[in-house]
């Protein structure tokens, strides 16, 4: 990626995505959306006309899989930034651990 000058844009994109996820783990309840029947739909949300239901994750509906996937994403991203931004990398790893131990 470095040889074709796309490493930094890719890291910027990854950081933008992960920065969106960080605040979610701080809420005691958060909502997420995915339905099996639309999982293969790759339309933009703005152009989709069908109703989509939200699932609430809280103490009764734990959302173990989603929490684990989010924590894994944060942990993996921490490796990407380990050498270039160790402070951000440590922050991501801290949030990943918090998410695992508070939601699962």
C-alpha atoms as a PDB file:
ATOM      1  CA  UNK A   1       0.000   0.000   0.000  1.00  0.00           C
ATOM      2  CA  UNK A   2       2.860   2.319   0.727  1.00  0.00           C
ATOM      3  CA  UNK A   3       4.427   1.783  -2.695  1.00  0.00           C
ATOM      4  CA  UNK A   4       1.288   3.049  -4.438  1.00  0.00           C
ATOM      5  CA  UNK A   5       0.674   5.862  -1.939  1.00  0.00           C
ATOM      6  CA  UNK A   6      -2.603   4.593  -0.536  1.00  0.00           C
ATOM      7  CA  UNK A   7      -1.474   3.628   2.975  1.00  0.00           C
ATOM      8  CA  UNK A   8      -2.226   6.997   4.566  1.00  0.00           C
ATOM      9  CA  UNK A   9      -5.645   7.410   2.885  1.00  0.00           C
ATOM     10  CA  UNK A  10      -6.518   3.866   3.987  1.00  0.00           C
ATOM     11  CA  UNK A  11      -5.453   4.637   7.556  1.00  0.00           C
ATOM     12  CA  UNK A  12      -7.491   7.858   7.496  1.00  0.00           C
ATOM     13  CA  UNK A  13     -10.537   5.906   6.351  1.00  0.00           C
ATOM     14  CA  UNK A  14     -10.013   3.270   9.033  1.00  0.00           C
ATOM     15  CA  UNK A  15      -9.614   5.932  11.714  1.00  0.00           C
ATOM     16  CA  UNK A  16     -12.829   7.656  10.630  1.00  0.00           C
ATOM     17  CA  UNK A  17     -14.734   4.363  10.899  1.00  0.00           C
ATOM     18  CA  UNK A  18     -13.256   3.334  14.236  1.00  0.00           C
ATOM     19  CA  UNK A  19     -13.770   6.825  15.684  1.00  0.00           C
ATOM     20  CA  UNK A  20     -17.475   6.353  14.938  1.00  0.00           C
ATOM     21  CA  UNK A  21     -17.525   3.105  16.956  1.00  0.00           C
ATOM     22  CA  UNK A  22     -15.692   4.335  20.059  1.00  0.00           C
ATOM     23  CA  UNK A  23     -18.577   6.342  21.578  1.00  0.00           C
ATOM     24  CA  UNK A  24     -21.021   3.476  21.062  1.00  0.00           C
ATOM     25  CA  UNK A  25     -19.347   1.279  23.642  1.00  0.00           C
ATOM     26  CA  UNK A  26     -19.742   3.983  26.285  1.00  0.00           C
ATOM     27  CA  UNK A  27     -23.536   3.794  26.291  1.00  0.00           C
ATOM     28  CA  UNK A  28     -25.304   1.290  28.507  1.00  0.00           C
ATOM     29  CA  UNK A  29     -27.785   0.812  25.666  1.00  0.00           C
ATOM     30  CA  UNK A  30     -27.208   1.280  21.978  1.00  0.00           C
ATOM     31  CA  UNK A  31     -29.079   0.316  18.856  1.00  0.00           C
ATOM     32  CA  UNK A  32     -27.859  -1.503  15.793  1.00  0.00           C
ATOM     33  CA  UNK A  33     -29.491  -2.617  12.615  1.00  0.00           C
ATOM     34  CA  UNK A  34     -29.083  -5.725  10.528  1.00  0.00           C
ATOM     35  CA  UNK A  35     -31.606  -8.061   9.031  1.00  0.00           C
ATOM     36  CA  UNK A  36     -30.878 -11.346   7.353  1.00  0.00           C
ATOM     37  CA  UNK A  37     -33.169 -10.555   4.440  1.00  0.00           C
ATOM     38  CA  UNK A  38     -31.332  -7.328   3.574  1.00  0.00           C
ATOM     39  CA  UNK A  39     -27.810  -8.422   4.432  1.00  0.00           C
ATOM     40  CA  UNK A  40     -27.109  -8.988   0.737  1.00  0.00           C
ATOM     41  CA  UNK A  41     -28.425  -5.564  -0.223  1.00  0.00           C
ATOM     42  CA  UNK A  42     -25.619  -3.153  -1.017  1.00  0.00           C
ATOM     43  CA  UNK A  43     -27.732  -0.056  -1.683  1.00  0.00           C
ATOM     44  CA  UNK A  44     -26.997   3.199   0.061  1.00  0.00           C
ATOM     45  CA  UNK A  45     -29.241   3.686   3.116  1.00  0.00           C
ATOM     46  CA  UNK A  46     -30.494   6.954   1.631  1.00  0.00           C
ATOM     47  CA  UNK A  47     -31.949   5.161  -1.394  1.00  0.00           C
ATOM     48  CA  UNK A  48     -33.520   2.195   0.405  1.00  0.00           C
ATOM     49  CA  UNK A  49     -37.281   2.452   0.728  1.00  0.00           C
ATOM     50  CA  UNK A  50     -38.135  -0.632   2.779  1.00  0.00           C
ATOM     51  CA  UNK A  51     -38.496  -0.507   6.545  1.00  0.00           C
ATOM     52  CA  UNK A  52     -35.556  -1.647   8.612  1.00  0.00           C
ATOM     53  CA  UNK A  53     -35.898  -2.608  12.246  1.00  0.00           C
ATOM     54  CA  UNK A  54     -33.480  -1.676  14.985  1.00  0.00           C
ATOM     55  CA  UNK A  55     -32.340  -4.080  17.656  1.00  0.00           C
ATOM     56  CA  UNK A  56     -31.545  -2.685  21.079  1.00  0.00           C
ATOM     57  CA  UNK A  57     -28.526  -4.033  22.946  1.00  0.00           C
ATOM     58  CA  UNK A  58     -28.851  -3.847  26.712  1.00  0.00           C
ATOM     59  CA  UNK A  59     -28.768  -6.193  29.726  1.00  0.00           C
ATOM     60  CA  UNK A  60     -31.691  -8.254  28.398  1.00  0.00           C
ATOM     61  CA  UNK A  61     -30.489  -8.393  24.785  1.00  0.00           C
ATOM     62  CA  UNK A  62     -26.742  -8.634  25.100  1.00  0.00           C
ATOM     63  CA  UNK A  63     -25.616  -8.523  21.477  1.00  0.00           C
ATOM     64  CA  UNK A  64     -22.579 -10.655  22.192  1.00  0.00           C
ATOM     65  CA  UNK A  65     -21.670 -11.138  18.539  1.00  0.00           C
ATOM     66  CA  UNK A  66     -21.846  -7.452  17.700  1.00  0.00           C
ATOM     67  CA  UNK A  67     -19.867  -6.490  20.798  1.00  0.00           C
ATOM     68  CA  UNK A  68     -17.208  -9.080  19.979  1.00  0.00           C
ATOM     69  CA  UNK A  69     -16.960  -7.949  16.348  1.00  0.00           C
ATOM     70  CA  UNK A  70     -16.687  -4.302  17.374  1.00  0.00           C
ATOM     71  CA  UNK A  71     -14.019  -5.094  19.973  1.00  0.00           C
ATOM     72  CA  UNK A  72     -12.121  -7.162  17.416  1.00  0.00           C
ATOM     73  CA  UNK A  73     -12.242  -4.280  14.933  1.00  0.00           C
ATOM     74  CA  UNK A  74     -10.865  -1.897  17.536  1.00  0.00           C
ATOM     75  CA  UNK A  75      -8.105  -4.315  18.557  1.00  0.00           C
ATOM     76  CA  UNK A  76      -7.108  -4.928  14.929  1.00  0.00           C
ATOM     77  CA  UNK A  77      -7.086  -1.199  14.210  1.00  0.00           C
ATOM     78  CA  UNK A  78      -4.848  -0.690  17.236  1.00  0.00           C
ATOM     79  CA  UNK A  79      -2.244  -2.846  15.486  1.00  0.00           C
ATOM     80  CA  UNK A  80      -2.458  -0.709  12.343  1.00  0.00           C
ATOM     81  CA  UNK A  81      -1.681   2.447  14.341  1.00  0.00           C
ATOM     82  CA  UNK A  82       0.787   0.909  16.808  1.00  0.00           C
ATOM     83  CA  UNK A  83       3.919   2.336  15.162  1.00  0.00           C
ATOM     84  CA  UNK A  84       2.567   5.563  13.684  1.00  0.00           C
ATOM     85  CA  UNK A  85       0.349   6.703  16.599  1.00  0.00           C
ATOM     86  CA  UNK A  86       0.969   4.718  19.772  1.00  0.00           C
ATOM     87  CA  UNK A  87      -1.372   6.882  21.866  1.00  0.00           C
ATOM     88  CA  UNK A  88      -4.306   6.245  19.535  1.00  0.00           C
ATOM     89  CA  UNK A  89      -3.367   2.567  19.353  1.00  0.00           C
ATOM     90  CA  UNK A  90      -3.448   2.295  23.160  1.00  0.00           C
ATOM     91  CA  UNK A  91      -6.791   4.095  23.270  1.00  0.00           C
ATOM     92  CA  UNK A  92      -8.298   1.636  20.793  1.00  0.00           C
ATOM     93  CA  UNK A  93      -7.017  -1.349  22.734  1.00  0.00           C
ATOM     94  CA  UNK A  94      -8.387   0.106  25.982  1.00  0.00           C
ATOM     95  CA  UNK A  95     -11.829   0.594  24.428  1.00  0.00           C
ATOM     96  CA  UNK A  96     -11.776  -2.906  22.934  1.00  0.00           C
ATOM     97  CA  UNK A  97     -11.091  -4.403  26.363  1.00  0.00           C
ATOM     98  CA  UNK A  98     -13.797  -2.272  27.985  1.00  0.00           C
ATOM     99  CA  UNK A  99     -16.294  -3.353  25.372  1.00  0.00           C
ATOM    100  CA  UNK A 100     -15.517  -7.034  25.799  1.00  0.00           C
ATOM    101  CA  UNK A 101     -15.776  -6.967  29.565  1.00  0.00           C
ATOM    102  CA  UNK A 102     -18.832  -4.712  29.813  1.00  0.00           C
ATOM    103  CA  UNK A 103     -21.082  -6.076  27.054  1.00  0.00           C
ATOM    104  CA  UNK A 104     -20.298  -9.771  26.799  1.00  0.00           C
END
